């Protein structure tokens, strides 16, 4: 499968990956290099760690589905806690809602820079196709 990989079709972007954690102010060492902000009201420290990986933005999917949910909180209580015979006597009223799901696929290879010089072709194939070829 490696014969059909065209390097000219591959576009690599910097994909920003980060984490935001709230830690008590006394446990973070002072010598760490990070973005930090003290929240005086909550007596907490907001710490932001950021890294960049090589990756490629791929497909965008949009799905729409309809789901039946209980009409209000009481109907939900009946559905969750009432016995079946009671639900037959007083059926749970439902409403139909429409749920839209938007999905962006991004393939990221965090270690491509360390193995690219050796045998980087499986990593490039993953970024192109989203699957790893074992053969």
N, C-alpha and C. Protein backbone atom coordinates (compact mmCIF):
# COMPACT_ATOMS: atom_id res chain seq x y z
N UNK A 1 0.81 -1.20 0.00
CA UNK A 1 0.00 0.00 0.00
C UNK A 1 0.85 1.26 0.00
N UNK A 2 2.12 1.12 0.25
CA UNK A 2 2.97 2.31 0.32
C UNK A 2 3.21 2.94 -1.04
N UNK A 3 2.94 2.21 -2.12
CA UNK A 3 3.19 2.74 -3.45
C UNK A 3 2.23 3.86 -3.83
N UNK A 4 1.02 3.87 -3.26
CA UNK A 4 0.03 4.87 -3.66
C UNK A 4 0.03 6.13 -2.79
N UNK A 5 1.00 6.25 -1.89
CA UNK A 5 1.08 7.43 -1.04
C UNK A 5 1.79 8.54 -1.81
N UNK A 6 1.09 9.65 -2.00
CA UNK A 6 1.67 10.78 -2.70
C UNK A 6 2.01 11.86 -1.68
N UNK A 7 3.29 12.13 -1.53
CA UNK A 7 3.71 13.12 -0.55
C UNK A 7 3.24 14.52 -0.92
N UNK A 8 2.98 14.75 -2.19
CA UNK A 8 2.51 16.07 -2.59
C UNK A 8 1.09 16.34 -2.11
N UNK A 9 0.34 15.27 -1.72
CA UNK A 9 -1.03 15.44 -1.24
C UNK A 9 -1.10 15.70 0.25
N UNK A 10 0.02 15.66 0.93
CA UNK A 10 0.03 15.77 2.38
C UNK A 10 0.28 17.21 2.80
N UNK A 11 -0.63 17.75 3.61
CA UNK A 11 -0.46 19.08 4.18
C UNK A 11 -0.41 18.93 5.69
N UNK A 12 0.68 19.34 6.30
CA UNK A 12 0.83 19.25 7.74
C UNK A 12 0.58 20.62 8.35
N UNK A 13 -0.16 20.63 9.44
CA UNK A 13 -0.44 21.85 10.17
C UNK A 13 0.06 21.67 11.59
N UNK A 14 0.25 22.78 12.28
CA UNK A 14 0.49 22.72 13.71
C UNK A 14 -0.87 22.62 14.37
N UNK A 15 -1.12 21.53 15.07
CA UNK A 15 -2.37 21.31 15.77
C UNK A 15 -2.12 21.63 17.24
N UNK A 16 -2.82 22.62 17.76
CA UNK A 16 -2.60 23.05 19.14
C UNK A 16 -3.31 22.09 20.09
N UNK A 17 -2.56 21.57 21.05
CA UNK A 17 -3.10 20.66 22.04
C UNK A 17 -2.73 21.22 23.40
N UNK A 18 -3.70 21.33 24.29
CA UNK A 18 -3.40 21.91 25.59
C UNK A 18 -4.28 21.34 26.67
N UNK A 19 -3.96 21.71 27.87
CA UNK A 19 -4.74 21.27 29.02
C UNK A 19 -4.83 22.45 29.99
N UNK A 20 -5.97 22.61 30.60
CA UNK A 20 -6.14 23.63 31.61
C UNK A 20 -6.49 22.92 32.91
N UNK A 21 -5.67 23.12 33.92
CA UNK A 21 -5.89 22.47 35.22
C UNK A 21 -5.90 23.52 36.31
N UNK A 22 -6.77 23.35 37.28
CA UNK A 22 -6.83 24.27 38.42
C UNK A 22 -6.26 23.53 39.61
N UNK A 23 -5.18 24.08 40.16
CA UNK A 23 -4.48 23.44 41.26
C UNK A 23 -4.42 24.39 42.45
N UNK A 24 -4.40 23.86 43.66
CA UNK A 24 -4.17 24.73 44.82
C UNK A 24 -2.82 25.43 44.68
N UNK A 25 -2.76 26.71 45.06
CA UNK A 25 -1.56 27.52 44.81
C UNK A 25 -0.32 27.00 45.51
N UNK A 26 -0.41 26.24 46.56
CA UNK A 26 0.77 25.80 47.29
C UNK A 26 1.51 24.62 46.70
N UNK A 27 0.95 23.90 45.70
CA UNK A 27 1.62 22.68 45.25
C UNK A 27 2.39 22.83 43.94
N UNK A 28 2.32 23.97 43.29
CA UNK A 28 3.03 24.14 42.02
C UNK A 28 4.41 24.72 42.29
N UNK A 29 5.47 24.04 41.85
CA UNK A 29 6.82 24.58 42.04
C UNK A 29 6.98 25.92 41.30
N UNK A 30 7.76 26.82 41.87
CA UNK A 30 7.92 28.15 41.30
C UNK A 30 8.80 28.17 40.06
N UNK A 31 9.63 27.14 39.84
CA UNK A 31 10.58 27.18 38.73
C UNK A 31 10.01 26.62 37.41
N UNK A 32 8.76 26.16 37.37
CA UNK A 32 8.19 25.64 36.14
C UNK A 32 7.87 26.76 35.17
N UNK A 33 8.10 26.52 33.90
CA UNK A 33 7.78 27.49 32.86
C UNK A 33 6.41 27.12 32.27
N UNK A 34 5.42 27.93 32.57
CA UNK A 34 4.07 27.68 32.09
C UNK A 34 3.27 28.97 32.16
N UNK A 35 2.13 28.99 31.52
CA UNK A 35 1.22 30.12 31.62
C UNK A 35 0.36 29.90 32.85
N UNK A 36 0.39 30.86 33.75
CA UNK A 36 -0.36 30.69 34.99
C UNK A 36 -1.02 32.00 35.40
N UNK A 37 -2.12 31.86 36.10
CA UNK A 37 -2.87 33.02 36.57
C UNK A 37 -3.49 32.65 37.91
N UNK A 38 -3.35 33.54 38.89
CA UNK A 38 -3.90 33.29 40.21
C UNK A 38 -5.31 33.86 40.27
N UNK A 39 -6.25 33.02 40.68
CA UNK A 39 -7.64 33.44 40.89
C UNK A 39 -7.78 33.73 42.37
N UNK A 40 -7.77 35.01 42.72
CA UNK A 40 -7.79 35.41 44.12
C UNK A 40 -9.06 35.08 44.85
N UNK A 41 -10.19 35.10 44.15
CA UNK A 41 -11.46 34.80 44.79
C UNK A 41 -11.57 33.33 45.18
N UNK A 42 -11.14 32.45 44.30
CA UNK A 42 -11.25 31.01 44.58
C UNK A 42 -10.00 30.48 45.26
N UNK A 43 -8.98 31.32 45.40
CA UNK A 43 -7.68 30.90 45.94
C UNK A 43 -7.17 29.67 45.20
N UNK A 44 -7.24 29.74 43.87
CA UNK A 44 -6.78 28.66 43.00
C UNK A 44 -5.82 29.25 41.98
N UNK A 45 -5.00 28.40 41.42
CA UNK A 45 -4.07 28.79 40.37
C UNK A 45 -4.49 28.10 39.07
N UNK A 46 -4.70 28.88 38.03
CA UNK A 46 -5.01 28.32 36.71
C UNK A 46 -3.70 28.17 35.96
N UNK A 47 -3.42 26.96 35.52
CA UNK A 47 -2.18 26.65 34.82
C UNK A 47 -2.53 26.14 33.43
N UNK A 48 -1.88 26.69 32.41
CA UNK A 48 -2.14 26.26 31.03
C UNK A 48 -0.85 25.68 30.45
N UNK A 49 -0.91 24.41 30.03
CA UNK A 49 0.19 23.74 29.36
C UNK A 49 -0.19 23.57 27.90
N UNK A 50 0.71 23.94 26.99
CA UNK A 50 0.39 23.89 25.57
C UNK A 50 1.52 23.21 24.82
N UNK A 51 1.17 22.36 23.84
CA UNK A 51 2.16 21.71 22.98
C UNK A 51 1.62 21.69 21.56
N UNK A 52 2.50 21.61 20.59
CA UNK A 52 2.11 21.51 19.19
C UNK A 52 2.59 20.18 18.64
N UNK A 53 1.73 19.52 17.86
CA UNK A 53 2.06 18.27 17.19
C UNK A 53 1.80 18.45 15.70
N UNK A 54 2.51 17.68 14.88
CA UNK A 54 2.23 17.69 13.46
C UNK A 54 0.97 16.90 13.21
N UNK A 55 0.13 17.41 12.36
CA UNK A 55 -1.12 16.72 12.08
C UNK A 55 -1.77 17.27 10.83
N UNK A 56 -2.87 16.69 10.46
CA UNK A 56 -3.61 17.13 9.30
C UNK A 56 -5.10 17.13 9.62
N UNK A 57 -5.78 18.19 9.22
CA UNK A 57 -7.22 18.28 9.44
C UNK A 57 -7.90 17.56 8.28
N UNK A 58 -8.82 16.67 8.62
CA UNK A 58 -9.42 15.83 7.60
C UNK A 58 -10.89 16.17 7.41
N UNK A 59 -11.73 15.18 7.47
CA UNK A 59 -13.12 15.31 7.09
C UNK A 59 -13.96 16.02 8.14
N UNK A 60 -15.06 16.58 7.66
CA UNK A 60 -16.07 17.19 8.52
C UNK A 60 -17.36 16.41 8.30
N UNK A 61 -17.96 15.94 9.39
CA UNK A 61 -19.21 15.18 9.30
C UNK A 61 -20.29 15.91 10.08
N UNK A 62 -21.48 15.88 9.52
CA UNK A 62 -22.63 16.45 10.21
C UNK A 62 -23.76 15.42 10.16
N UNK A 63 -24.26 15.05 11.32
CA UNK A 63 -25.36 14.10 11.38
C UNK A 63 -26.51 14.74 12.15
N UNK A 64 -27.70 14.41 11.72
CA UNK A 64 -28.92 14.91 12.37
C UNK A 64 -29.77 13.69 12.70
N UNK A 65 -30.19 13.59 13.96
CA UNK A 65 -31.05 12.48 14.35
C UNK A 65 -32.13 13.00 15.29
N UNK A 66 -33.22 12.27 15.34
CA UNK A 66 -34.30 12.63 16.25
C UNK A 66 -34.30 11.65 17.42
N UNK A 67 -34.53 12.18 18.61
CA UNK A 67 -34.48 11.40 19.83
C UNK A 67 -35.74 11.69 20.64
N UNK A 68 -36.32 10.64 21.23
CA UNK A 68 -37.46 10.84 22.11
C UNK A 68 -36.96 10.92 23.55
N UNK A 69 -37.35 11.99 24.24
CA UNK A 69 -36.97 12.21 25.64
C UNK A 69 -38.23 12.49 26.45
N UNK A 70 -38.19 12.27 27.76
CA UNK A 70 -39.36 12.60 28.58
C UNK A 70 -39.73 14.07 28.43
N UNK A 71 -41.03 14.35 28.49
CA UNK A 71 -41.53 15.70 28.23
C UNK A 71 -41.11 16.70 29.29
N UNK A 72 -40.97 16.27 30.56
CA UNK A 72 -40.54 17.17 31.62
C UNK A 72 -39.88 16.34 32.72
N UNK A 73 -39.53 17.00 33.81
CA UNK A 73 -38.80 16.31 34.87
C UNK A 73 -39.64 15.22 35.53
N UNK A 74 -40.95 15.44 35.65
CA UNK A 74 -41.79 14.44 36.29
C UNK A 74 -41.90 13.18 35.43
N UNK A 75 -42.00 13.36 34.13
CA UNK A 75 -42.04 12.22 33.22
C UNK A 75 -40.72 11.43 33.28
N UNK A 76 -39.63 12.15 33.45
CA UNK A 76 -38.34 11.48 33.60
C UNK A 76 -38.30 10.66 34.89
N UNK A 77 -38.82 11.20 35.99
CA UNK A 77 -38.88 10.46 37.26
C UNK A 77 -39.74 9.21 37.09
N UNK A 78 -40.89 9.34 36.42
CA UNK A 78 -41.74 8.17 36.18
C UNK A 78 -41.00 7.11 35.38
N UNK A 79 -40.30 7.54 34.34
CA UNK A 79 -39.57 6.60 33.48
C UNK A 79 -38.46 5.89 34.24
N UNK A 80 -37.79 6.62 35.09
CA UNK A 80 -36.61 6.07 35.78
C UNK A 80 -36.97 5.24 37.01
N UNK A 81 -37.99 5.65 37.77
CA UNK A 81 -38.21 5.05 39.09
C UNK A 81 -39.52 4.29 39.26
N UNK A 82 -40.52 4.55 38.44
CA UNK A 82 -41.81 3.90 38.64
C UNK A 82 -41.80 2.48 38.08
N UNK A 83 -42.54 1.57 38.72
CA UNK A 83 -42.62 0.19 38.20
C UNK A 83 -43.35 0.15 36.86
N UNK A 84 -43.15 -0.94 36.15
CA UNK A 84 -43.70 -1.08 34.80
C UNK A 84 -45.23 -1.00 34.81
N UNK A 85 -45.87 -1.62 35.79
CA UNK A 85 -47.34 -1.60 35.83
C UNK A 85 -47.87 -0.17 35.97
N UNK A 86 -47.12 0.68 36.72
CA UNK A 86 -47.53 2.07 36.88
C UNK A 86 -47.32 2.85 35.58
N UNK A 87 -46.26 2.52 34.87
CA UNK A 87 -46.01 3.18 33.58
C UNK A 87 -47.04 2.77 32.54
N UNK A 88 -47.59 1.53 32.65
CA UNK A 88 -48.68 1.13 31.75
C UNK A 88 -49.96 1.89 32.08
N UNK A 89 -50.18 2.09 33.36
CA UNK A 89 -51.40 2.80 33.80
C UNK A 89 -51.33 4.29 33.43
N UNK A 90 -50.18 4.92 33.68
CA UNK A 90 -49.93 6.31 33.32
C UNK A 90 -48.67 6.37 32.47
N UNK A 91 -48.80 6.25 31.17
CA UNK A 91 -47.62 6.20 30.29
C UNK A 91 -46.78 7.48 30.37
N UNK A 92 -45.51 7.30 30.14
CA UNK A 92 -44.57 8.42 30.14
C UNK A 92 -44.78 9.22 28.86
N UNK A 93 -45.07 10.51 29.02
CA UNK A 93 -45.20 11.40 27.86
C UNK A 93 -43.81 11.78 27.38
N UNK A 94 -43.59 11.73 26.07
CA UNK A 94 -42.27 12.05 25.51
C UNK A 94 -42.41 13.18 24.50
N UNK A 95 -41.30 13.82 24.26
CA UNK A 95 -41.23 14.81 23.19
C UNK A 95 -40.08 14.41 22.27
N UNK A 96 -40.19 14.75 21.03
CA UNK A 96 -39.16 14.42 20.05
C UNK A 96 -38.30 15.66 19.81
N UNK A 97 -37.01 15.49 19.97
CA UNK A 97 -36.09 16.60 19.73
C UNK A 97 -35.13 16.21 18.61
N UNK A 98 -34.59 17.19 17.95
CA UNK A 98 -33.62 16.97 16.88
C UNK A 98 -32.23 17.31 17.42
N UNK A 99 -31.32 16.38 17.24
CA UNK A 99 -29.95 16.55 17.72
C UNK A 99 -29.02 16.64 16.52
N UNK A 100 -28.25 17.71 16.45
CA UNK A 100 -27.27 17.88 15.39
C UNK A 100 -25.89 17.61 15.96
N UNK A 101 -25.11 16.78 15.29
CA UNK A 101 -23.76 16.45 15.74
C UNK A 101 -22.78 16.88 14.65
N UNK A 102 -21.81 17.71 15.04
CA UNK A 102 -20.79 18.20 14.12
C UNK A 102 -19.45 17.59 14.55
N UNK A 103 -18.78 16.90 13.63
CA UNK A 103 -17.53 16.22 13.95
C UNK A 103 -16.44 16.65 12.97
N UNK A 104 -15.32 17.08 13.51
CA UNK A 104 -14.13 17.39 12.71
C UNK A 104 -13.09 16.32 13.00
N UNK A 105 -12.60 15.64 11.97
CA UNK A 105 -11.57 14.62 12.16
C UNK A 105 -10.20 15.27 11.99
N UNK A 106 -9.33 15.04 12.94
CA UNK A 106 -7.95 15.53 12.88
C UNK A 106 -7.03 14.38 13.23
N UNK A 107 -6.09 14.06 12.35
CA UNK A 107 -5.12 13.01 12.61
C UNK A 107 -3.83 13.66 13.09
N UNK A 108 -3.33 13.20 14.24
CA UNK A 108 -2.14 13.77 14.85
C UNK A 108 -1.14 12.65 15.12
N UNK A 109 0.12 12.89 14.80
CA UNK A 109 1.17 11.93 15.08
C UNK A 109 2.18 12.63 16.00
N UNK A 110 2.11 12.37 17.32
CA UNK A 110 2.94 13.12 18.25
C UNK A 110 4.42 12.78 18.19
N UNK A 111 4.80 11.65 17.61
CA UNK A 111 6.21 11.27 17.61
C UNK A 111 6.80 11.22 16.21
N UNK A 112 6.20 11.91 15.26
CA UNK A 112 6.72 11.85 13.89
C UNK A 112 8.10 12.51 13.78
N UNK A 113 8.39 13.50 14.61
CA UNK A 113 9.67 14.18 14.51
C UNK A 113 10.82 13.31 14.97
N UNK A 114 10.59 12.34 15.85
CA UNK A 114 11.68 11.50 16.36
C UNK A 114 11.95 10.31 15.47
N UNK A 115 10.96 9.82 14.73
CA UNK A 115 11.17 8.63 13.90
C UNK A 115 11.11 8.95 12.42
N UNK A 116 10.91 10.20 12.06
CA UNK A 116 10.77 10.56 10.65
C UNK A 116 12.04 10.24 9.87
N UNK A 117 13.19 10.47 10.46
CA UNK A 117 14.44 10.21 9.77
C UNK A 117 14.69 8.72 9.58
N UNK A 118 14.17 7.89 10.46
CA UNK A 118 14.39 6.44 10.36
C UNK A 118 13.42 5.83 9.34
N UNK A 119 12.19 5.56 9.77
CA UNK A 119 11.17 5.00 8.89
C UNK A 119 9.87 5.75 9.14
N UNK A 120 9.76 6.91 8.55
CA UNK A 120 8.60 7.75 8.79
C UNK A 120 7.41 7.46 7.90
N UNK A 121 7.56 6.52 6.95
CA UNK A 121 6.47 6.25 6.01
C UNK A 121 5.19 5.79 6.68
N UNK A 122 5.19 4.89 7.69
CA UNK A 122 3.92 4.52 8.33
C UNK A 122 3.21 5.72 8.97
N UNK A 123 3.98 6.66 9.48
CA UNK A 123 3.39 7.84 10.11
C UNK A 123 2.77 8.76 9.06
N UNK A 124 3.43 8.89 7.92
CA UNK A 124 2.90 9.70 6.82
C UNK A 124 1.63 9.07 6.27
N UNK A 125 1.63 7.72 6.13
CA UNK A 125 0.43 7.03 5.67
C UNK A 125 -0.74 7.26 6.63
N UNK A 126 -0.45 7.24 7.93
CA UNK A 126 -1.50 7.48 8.91
C UNK A 126 -2.07 8.89 8.75
N UNK A 127 -1.21 9.87 8.54
CA UNK A 127 -1.69 11.24 8.36
C UNK A 127 -2.48 11.40 7.07
N UNK A 128 -2.13 10.62 6.03
CA UNK A 128 -2.86 10.69 4.77
C UNK A 128 -4.20 9.98 4.82
N UNK A 129 -4.21 8.76 5.40
CA UNK A 129 -5.39 7.90 5.32
C UNK A 129 -6.12 7.72 6.63
N UNK A 130 -5.47 7.94 7.74
CA UNK A 130 -6.10 7.71 9.04
C UNK A 130 -6.04 6.29 9.52
N UNK A 131 -5.34 5.43 8.79
CA UNK A 131 -5.17 4.04 9.20
C UNK A 131 -3.71 3.68 9.11
N UNK A 132 -3.30 2.73 9.93
CA UNK A 132 -1.91 2.28 9.93
C UNK A 132 -1.84 0.97 9.17
N UNK A 133 -0.99 0.91 8.15
CA UNK A 133 -0.81 -0.30 7.35
C UNK A 133 0.22 -1.19 8.01
N UNK A 134 -0.21 -2.38 8.43
CA UNK A 134 0.70 -3.31 9.11
C UNK A 134 1.58 -4.06 8.13
N UNK A 135 1.23 -4.08 6.84
CA UNK A 135 1.97 -4.89 5.87
C UNK A 135 2.98 -4.16 5.20
